[in-house]
């Protein structure tokens, strides 16, 4: 997904910049595009992940005695929608990337460098997203001013994002 979204940000001005720079990779110029690509790819991943993961529904299925058919049909619908959306995204990404790489043969290396940089950036963001709830939990445990419940609720909120 990250590769397809990164390729969508290549415009005429980006191609001209690559031509002006004789094909060298300019990280400062590409950084905003990498961040936008990372955000859009993350949004798509969260949507697909929400549809694909059914553990909350399965736990509810195990606990419930009366609504089992309703929960089971909800799980089936989520899985069907998950596969439909996944295959549609995969198909259009494949077509777009195939056309992009066929037309712009000289920018394939540049695109791969852009995607690898964005991929490395995607490893850094979860570190900070998981570090923030820990910091708020530590602060809530060490707090002596009575803000413990508020800080703990903030840490739970950040953890569930």
Protein backbone atom coordinates (compact mmCIF):
# COMPACT_ATOMS: atom_id res chain seq x y z
CA UNK A 1 0.00 0.00 0.00
CA UNK A 2 2.85 2.33 0.85
CA UNK A 3 4.41 1.79 -2.57
CA UNK A 4 1.19 2.62 -4.42
CA UNK A 5 0.45 5.71 -2.35
CA UNK A 6 4.04 6.95 -2.74
CA UNK A 7 3.79 6.52 -6.50
CA UNK A 8 0.60 8.59 -6.53
CA UNK A 9 2.52 11.59 -5.19
CA UNK A 10 4.83 11.68 -8.20
CA UNK A 11 3.69 14.62 -10.28
CA UNK A 12 5.18 16.68 -13.07
CA UNK A 13 6.97 18.92 -10.59
CA UNK A 14 8.48 15.90 -8.85
CA UNK A 15 9.66 14.47 -12.16
CA UNK A 16 11.12 17.85 -13.11
CA UNK A 17 12.93 18.06 -9.74
CA UNK A 18 14.42 14.60 -10.33
CA UNK A 19 15.54 15.70 -13.80
CA UNK A 20 17.08 18.95 -12.45
CA UNK A 21 18.94 17.02 -9.71
CA UNK A 22 20.25 14.49 -12.28
CA UNK A 23 18.42 11.65 -10.54
CA UNK A 24 19.90 12.15 -7.08
CA UNK A 25 17.60 11.54 -4.15
CA UNK A 26 16.72 14.78 -2.32
CA UNK A 27 15.45 13.79 1.11
CA UNK A 28 14.41 17.32 2.08
CA UNK A 29 12.21 17.62 -1.02
CA UNK A 30 10.73 14.13 -0.64
CA UNK A 31 10.12 14.26 3.14
CA UNK A 32 6.65 15.90 2.99
CA UNK A 33 5.56 13.40 0.35
CA UNK A 34 6.87 10.54 2.48
CA UNK A 35 4.95 11.80 5.52
CA UNK A 36 1.73 12.20 3.51
CA UNK A 37 2.22 8.75 2.06
CA UNK A 38 2.78 7.30 5.51
CA UNK A 39 -0.37 8.94 6.90
CA UNK A 40 -2.57 7.82 4.00
CA UNK A 41 -1.15 4.28 4.07
CA UNK A 42 -1.70 4.13 7.83
CA UNK A 43 -5.34 5.20 7.43
CA UNK A 44 -5.92 2.49 4.82
CA UNK A 45 -4.16 -0.05 7.05
CA UNK A 46 -6.26 0.89 10.07
CA UNK A 47 -9.48 0.53 8.06
CA UNK A 48 -8.48 -2.85 6.66
CA UNK A 49 -7.16 -3.97 10.04
CA UNK A 50 -10.43 -3.00 11.72
CA UNK A 51 -12.34 -5.09 9.21
CA UNK A 52 -9.95 -8.03 9.35
CA UNK A 53 -9.56 -8.40 13.10
CA UNK A 54 -12.57 -9.90 14.85
CA UNK A 55 -11.22 -10.78 18.29
CA UNK A 56 -13.67 -8.48 20.12
CA UNK A 57 -16.56 -10.07 18.27
CA UNK A 58 -15.26 -13.55 19.04
CA UNK A 59 -14.94 -12.73 22.76
CA UNK A 60 -18.48 -11.36 22.69
CA UNK A 61 -19.59 -14.53 20.88
CA UNK A 62 -18.07 -16.70 23.62
CA UNK A 63 -19.64 -14.64 26.43
CA UNK A 64 -23.10 -14.28 24.93
CA UNK A 65 -25.70 -17.00 25.04
CA UNK A 66 -28.54 -15.31 23.17
CA UNK A 67 -27.07 -13.19 20.35
CA UNK A 68 -24.78 -15.82 18.80
CA UNK A 69 -26.40 -15.81 15.35
CA UNK A 70 -26.30 -12.01 15.17
CA UNK A 71 -22.64 -11.89 16.21
CA UNK A 72 -21.74 -14.68 13.79
CA UNK A 73 -23.41 -12.87 10.90
CA UNK A 74 -21.58 -9.66 11.88
CA UNK A 75 -18.25 -11.53 11.77
CA UNK A 76 -19.08 -13.03 8.37
CA UNK A 77 -20.01 -9.63 6.95
CA UNK A 78 -16.80 -8.05 8.28
CA UNK A 79 -14.68 -10.81 6.76
CA UNK A 80 -16.44 -10.58 3.39
CA UNK A 81 -16.01 -6.78 3.32
CA UNK A 82 -12.38 -7.22 4.38
CA UNK A 83 -11.61 -9.54 1.46
CA UNK A 84 -13.50 -7.41 -1.06
CA UNK A 85 -11.71 -4.20 -0.02
CA UNK A 86 -8.33 -5.96 0.18
CA UNK A 87 -8.62 -7.44 -3.29
CA UNK A 88 -9.87 -4.17 -4.79
CA UNK A 89 -6.99 -2.22 -3.22
CA UNK A 90 -4.49 -4.87 -4.29
CA UNK A 91 -5.80 -4.98 -7.86
CA UNK A 92 -5.81 -1.21 -8.38
CA UNK A 93 -2.42 -0.82 -6.71
CA UNK A 94 -1.00 -3.51 -8.98
CA UNK A 95 -2.44 -1.88 -12.10
CA UNK A 96 -1.32 1.61 -11.09
CA UNK A 97 2.21 0.52 -10.18
CA UNK A 98 2.53 -1.54 -13.34
CA UNK A 99 1.55 1.44 -15.47
CA UNK A 100 3.70 3.83 -13.46
CA UNK A 101 6.80 1.68 -13.71
CA UNK A 102 6.21 1.01 -17.42
CA UNK A 103 5.90 4.71 -18.24
CA UNK A 104 8.52 6.11 -15.87
CA UNK A 105 11.31 3.54 -16.17
CA UNK A 106 14.02 5.94 -15.02
CA UNK A 107 12.27 6.84 -11.76
CA UNK A 108 11.86 3.30 -10.43
CA UNK A 109 15.01 3.49 -8.31
CA UNK A 110 13.97 6.88 -7.03
CA UNK A 111 10.51 5.52 -6.14
CA UNK A 112 12.05 2.56 -4.31
CA UNK A 113 14.34 4.87 -2.32
CA UNK A 114 11.32 7.00 -1.45
CA UNK A 115 9.35 3.95 -0.33
CA UNK A 116 12.27 2.54 1.69
CA UNK A 117 12.71 5.88 3.45
CA UNK A 118 8.98 6.03 4.15
CA UNK A 119 9.07 2.42 5.31
CA UNK A 120 11.88 3.23 7.77
CA UNK A 121 9.87 6.22 8.95
CA UNK A 122 6.92 3.90 9.54
CA UNK A 123 9.06 1.94 12.01
CA UNK A 124 9.81 5.05 14.04
CA UNK A 125 6.24 6.31 14.50
CA UNK A 126 4.90 3.22 16.36
CA UNK A 127 7.79 3.54 18.79
CA UNK A 128 6.61 7.00 19.82
CA UNK A 129 2.93 6.05 19.69
CA UNK A 130 3.62 3.24 22.15
CA UNK A 131 5.97 5.34 24.26
CA UNK A 132 3.41 8.09 24.96
CA UNK A 133 0.95 5.90 26.94
CA UNK A 134 3.87 4.55 28.98
CA UNK A 135 5.00 8.05 29.85
CA UNK A 136 1.50 9.05 30.97
CA UNK A 137 1.19 5.86 33.05
CA UNK A 138 4.51 6.50 34.76
CA UNK A 139 3.49 10.09 35.44
CA UNK A 140 0.15 8.94 36.84
CA UNK A 141 1.89 6.50 39.18
CA UNK A 142 4.38 9.11 40.40
CA UNK A 143 1.87 11.98 40.66
CA UNK A 144 1.28 13.35 44.17
CA UNK A 145 -1.11 16.16 43.18
CA UNK A 146 -4.19 14.02 42.66
CA UNK A 147 -4.14 13.96 38.85
CA UNK A 148 -3.61 10.21 38.74
CA UNK A 149 -7.03 9.23 37.36
CA UNK A 150 -6.86 11.90 34.64
CA UNK A 151 -3.37 10.91 33.51
CA UNK A 152 -4.31 7.23 33.58
CA UNK A 153 -7.39 7.90 31.42
CA UNK A 154 -5.24 9.83 28.96
CA UNK A 155 -2.81 6.89 28.80
CA UNK A 156 -5.71 4.48 28.14
CA UNK A 157 -7.00 6.78 25.41
CA UNK A 158 -3.60 6.96 23.75
CA UNK A 159 -3.15 3.22 24.04
CA UNK A 160 -6.43 2.53 22.23
CA UNK A 161 -5.63 4.79 19.26
